[in-house]
Protein backbone atom coordinates (compact mmCIF):
# COMPACT_ATOMS: atom_id res chain seq x y z
CA UNK A 1 34.51 15.73 4.64
CA UNK A 2 30.92 15.83 5.89
CA UNK A 3 28.44 13.21 4.76
CA UNK A 4 25.87 15.05 2.64
CA UNK A 5 22.31 13.77 2.68
CA UNK A 6 19.55 14.57 0.25
CA UNK A 7 17.60 16.35 3.02
CA UNK A 8 19.34 18.43 5.67
CA UNK A 9 17.34 17.69 8.82
CA UNK A 10 18.43 20.89 10.63
CA UNK A 11 17.31 23.13 7.75
CA UNK A 12 14.15 21.08 7.35
CA UNK A 13 13.36 21.51 11.06
CA UNK A 14 13.95 25.29 10.85
CA UNK A 15 11.59 25.50 7.87
CA UNK A 16 8.97 23.40 9.68
CA UNK A 17 9.20 25.61 12.80
CA UNK A 18 8.64 28.70 10.65
CA UNK A 19 5.76 27.06 8.81
CA UNK A 20 4.19 25.90 12.09
CA UNK A 21 4.38 29.46 13.40
CA UNK A 22 2.58 30.73 10.28
CA UNK A 23 -0.09 28.01 10.63
CA UNK A 24 -0.73 28.90 14.27
CA UNK A 25 -0.99 32.61 13.44
CA UNK A 26 -3.46 31.83 10.66
CA UNK A 27 -5.60 29.70 12.94
CA UNK A 28 -5.66 32.42 15.64
CA UNK A 29 -6.81 35.07 13.16
CA UNK A 30 -9.23 32.69 11.40
CA UNK A 31 -7.55 33.41 8.09
CA UNK A 32 -6.69 31.01 5.31
CA UNK A 33 -4.03 28.42 6.07
CA UNK A 34 -0.64 29.29 4.55
CA UNK A 35 0.68 27.49 1.51
CA UNK A 36 3.45 24.94 2.10
CA UNK A 37 6.80 26.55 1.25
CA UNK A 38 8.64 25.15 -1.79
CA UNK A 39 11.59 23.99 0.34
CA UNK A 40 9.36 21.83 2.54
CA UNK A 41 7.57 20.45 -0.51
CA UNK A 42 10.90 19.64 -2.12
CA UNK A 43 12.08 17.84 1.03
CA UNK A 44 8.90 15.77 1.21
CA UNK A 45 9.23 14.89 -2.47
CA UNK A 46 12.85 13.82 -2.00
CA UNK A 47 12.00 11.69 1.03
CA UNK A 48 9.16 9.94 -0.83
CA UNK A 49 11.23 9.39 -3.96
CA UNK A 50 14.25 8.05 -2.14
CA UNK A 51 12.13 5.79 0.05
CA UNK A 52 10.59 4.30 -3.09
CA UNK A 53 14.08 3.18 -4.18
CA UNK A 54 14.42 0.84 -1.19
CA UNK A 55 14.57 -2.81 -2.24
CA UNK A 56 11.21 -3.58 -0.64
CA UNK A 57 9.43 -0.98 -2.80
CA UNK A 58 11.41 -0.72 -6.05
CA UNK A 59 9.86 -3.71 -7.83
CA UNK A 60 6.31 -2.40 -7.96
CA UNK A 61 4.97 -1.12 -11.26
CA UNK A 62 2.81 1.44 -9.44
CA UNK A 63 5.73 3.04 -7.59
CA UNK A 64 4.82 6.52 -8.87
CA UNK A 65 1.35 6.14 -7.38
CA UNK A 66 2.96 5.16 -4.09
CA UNK A 67 5.14 8.28 -4.13
CA UNK A 68 2.15 10.52 -4.85
CA UNK A 69 0.07 8.86 -2.11
CA UNK A 70 2.94 9.42 0.32
CA UNK A 71 3.23 13.09 -0.63
CA UNK A 72 -0.53 13.54 -0.34
CA UNK A 73 -0.54 12.03 3.16
CA UNK A 74 2.38 14.25 4.21
CA UNK A 75 0.54 17.35 3.06
CA UNK A 76 -2.59 16.18 4.84
CA UNK A 77 -0.77 15.73 8.16
CA UNK A 78 1.87 18.47 7.89
CA UNK A 79 0.01 20.64 10.41
CA UNK A 80 0.25 17.87 13.02
CA UNK A 81 4.05 18.08 13.21
CA UNK A 82 4.96 19.63 16.55
CA UNK A 83 8.58 20.75 17.02
CA UNK A 84 8.04 20.69 20.79
CA UNK A 85 7.48 16.91 20.64
CA UNK A 86 10.03 15.99 17.99
CA UNK A 87 13.03 17.67 16.45
CA UNK A 88 13.21 15.23 13.57
CA UNK A 89 10.81 16.10 10.74
CA UNK A 90 12.68 13.73 8.44
CA UNK A 91 11.63 10.68 10.46
CA UNK A 92 8.10 12.04 10.96
CA UNK A 93 7.49 12.35 7.22
CA UNK A 94 9.39 9.16 6.38
CA UNK A 95 7.07 7.22 8.66
CA UNK A 96 3.98 8.81 7.09
CA UNK A 97 5.25 7.97 3.62
CA UNK A 98 6.23 4.42 4.60
CA UNK A 99 2.74 3.60 5.86
CA UNK A 100 1.19 5.30 2.82
CA UNK A 101 3.29 2.97 0.65
CA UNK A 102 2.03 -0.06 2.57
CA UNK A 103 -1.59 1.07 2.19
CA UNK A 104 -1.07 1.62 -1.54
CA UNK A 105 0.48 -1.83 -1.97
CA UNK A 106 -2.42 -3.41 -0.10
CA UNK A 107 -4.95 -1.55 -2.21
CA UNK A 108 -3.19 -2.52 -5.46
CA UNK A 109 -2.99 -6.18 -4.40
CA UNK A 110 -6.74 -6.20 -3.80
CA UNK A 111 -7.33 -4.68 -7.24
CA UNK A 112 -4.97 -7.18 -8.84
CA UNK A 113 -6.81 -10.02 -7.12
CA UNK A 114 -10.12 -8.71 -8.46
CA UNK A 115 -8.68 -8.51 -12.01
CA UNK A 116 -7.40 -12.07 -11.82
CA UNK A 117 -10.73 -13.35 -10.50
CA UNK A 118 -12.56 -11.59 -13.35
CA UNK A 119 -10.25 -13.19 -15.89
CA UNK A 120 -10.69 -16.64 -14.35
CA UNK A 121 -14.47 -16.38 -14.05
CA UNK A 122 -15.16 -14.53 -17.31
CA UNK A 123 -17.54 -16.27 -19.73
CA UNK A 124 -15.37 -16.10 -22.84
CA UNK A 125 -17.47 -18.72 -24.61
CA UNK A 126 -19.43 -15.90 -26.24
CA UNK A 127 -16.30 -14.59 -27.90
CA UNK A 128 -14.79 -17.88 -29.00
CA UNK A 129 -16.50 -18.28 -32.38
CA UNK A 130 -16.48 -15.84 -35.21
CA UNK A 131 -18.73 -15.85 -38.26
CA UNK A 132 -16.25 -17.71 -40.48
CA UNK A 133 -15.52 -20.25 -37.70
CA UNK A 134 -19.07 -21.52 -37.10
CA UNK A 135 -18.33 -24.96 -38.52
CA UNK A 136 -14.85 -25.30 -37.03
CA UNK A 137 -13.84 -26.03 -33.49
CA UNK A 138 -12.20 -23.20 -31.68
CA UNK A 139 -10.91 -22.92 -28.16
CA UNK A 140 -9.67 -19.93 -26.28
CA UNK A 141 -6.16 -21.07 -25.43
CA UNK A 142 -5.29 -17.85 -23.66
CA UNK A 143 -8.15 -18.34 -21.22
CA UNK A 144 -7.23 -21.98 -20.72
CA UNK A 145 -3.65 -21.00 -19.99
CA UNK A 146 -4.78 -18.39 -17.45
CA UNK A 147 -7.13 -20.79 -15.73
CA UNK A 148 -4.57 -23.55 -15.38
CA UNK A 149 -1.41 -21.55 -14.79
CA UNK A 150 0.49 -22.26 -11.62
CA UNK A 151 0.93 -18.53 -11.05
CA UNK A 152 -2.84 -18.16 -10.70
CA UNK A 153 -2.98 -20.96 -8.14
CA UNK A 154 -0.17 -19.37 -6.15
CA UNK A 155 -1.86 -15.99 -6.41
CA UNK A 156 -5.09 -17.34 -4.98
CA UNK A 157 -3.43 -19.26 -2.15
CA UNK A 158 -2.92 -16.32 0.28
CA UNK A 159 -6.59 -15.32 0.15
CA UNK A 160 -7.72 -18.88 0.73
CA UNK A 161 -5.48 -19.08 3.80
CA UNK A 162 -7.12 -15.95 5.16
CA UNK A 163 -10.37 -17.85 5.69
CA UNK A 164 -10.26 -19.14 9.24
CA UNK A 165 -11.11 -22.72 9.96
CA UNK A 166 -13.71 -23.26 12.68
CA UNK A 167 -12.20 -24.23 16.00
CA UNK A 168 -12.90 -27.65 17.38
CA UNK A 169 -15.07 -27.61 20.46
CA UNK A 170 -12.84 -29.98 22.38
CA UNK A 171 -9.24 -29.31 23.14
CA UNK A 172 -6.63 -31.98 23.93
CA UNK A 173 -7.45 -32.05 27.64
CA UNK A 174 -11.15 -32.64 26.95
CA UNK A 175 -10.26 -35.47 24.59
CA UNK A 176 -7.96 -36.97 27.20
CA UNK A 177 -10.55 -36.66 29.96
CA UNK A 178 -13.24 -38.04 27.67
CA UNK A 179 -11.15 -41.15 27.06
CA UNK A 180 -10.92 -41.81 30.81
CA UNK A 181 -14.65 -41.68 31.24
CA UNK A 182 -15.19 -44.24 28.50
CA UNK A 183 -12.78 -46.72 30.09
């Protein structure tokens, strides 16, 4: 019994060869580029979807955005696939999708960092008192919890490590040689 995969690489390659031929004909005649065939689009969608189920990607809440970014990048670079250089379109598109996922994760982490910084630095004092509470004492416990939570400290730690410390002007040999001169 043959092992069936979700994308048949031989059929995918045949479809890509045919599509490449159509693209080259269109570029020679200066006509409009052909539309991507449904089979190729389906293969790209399956590759992106199945790659998003890998353990390193499945836990993200924005996994659908990652899949769509991967598909968009594949469609952007589909004309660069050359069957003369590679006979494996599955790996070509998997690699494009993989790096699109990494870019999406990086972008989302930056946005998440910005959101957390806004929450930590927000001046909620303006919203703490209401008309009926003018005489009473009120504190924003949610803000206090966010500002003191260990998760926030751990979240900020990687960005603080990214700041490089200035290098010392003397290395160990200079310190050693300097000690000899002072003796």
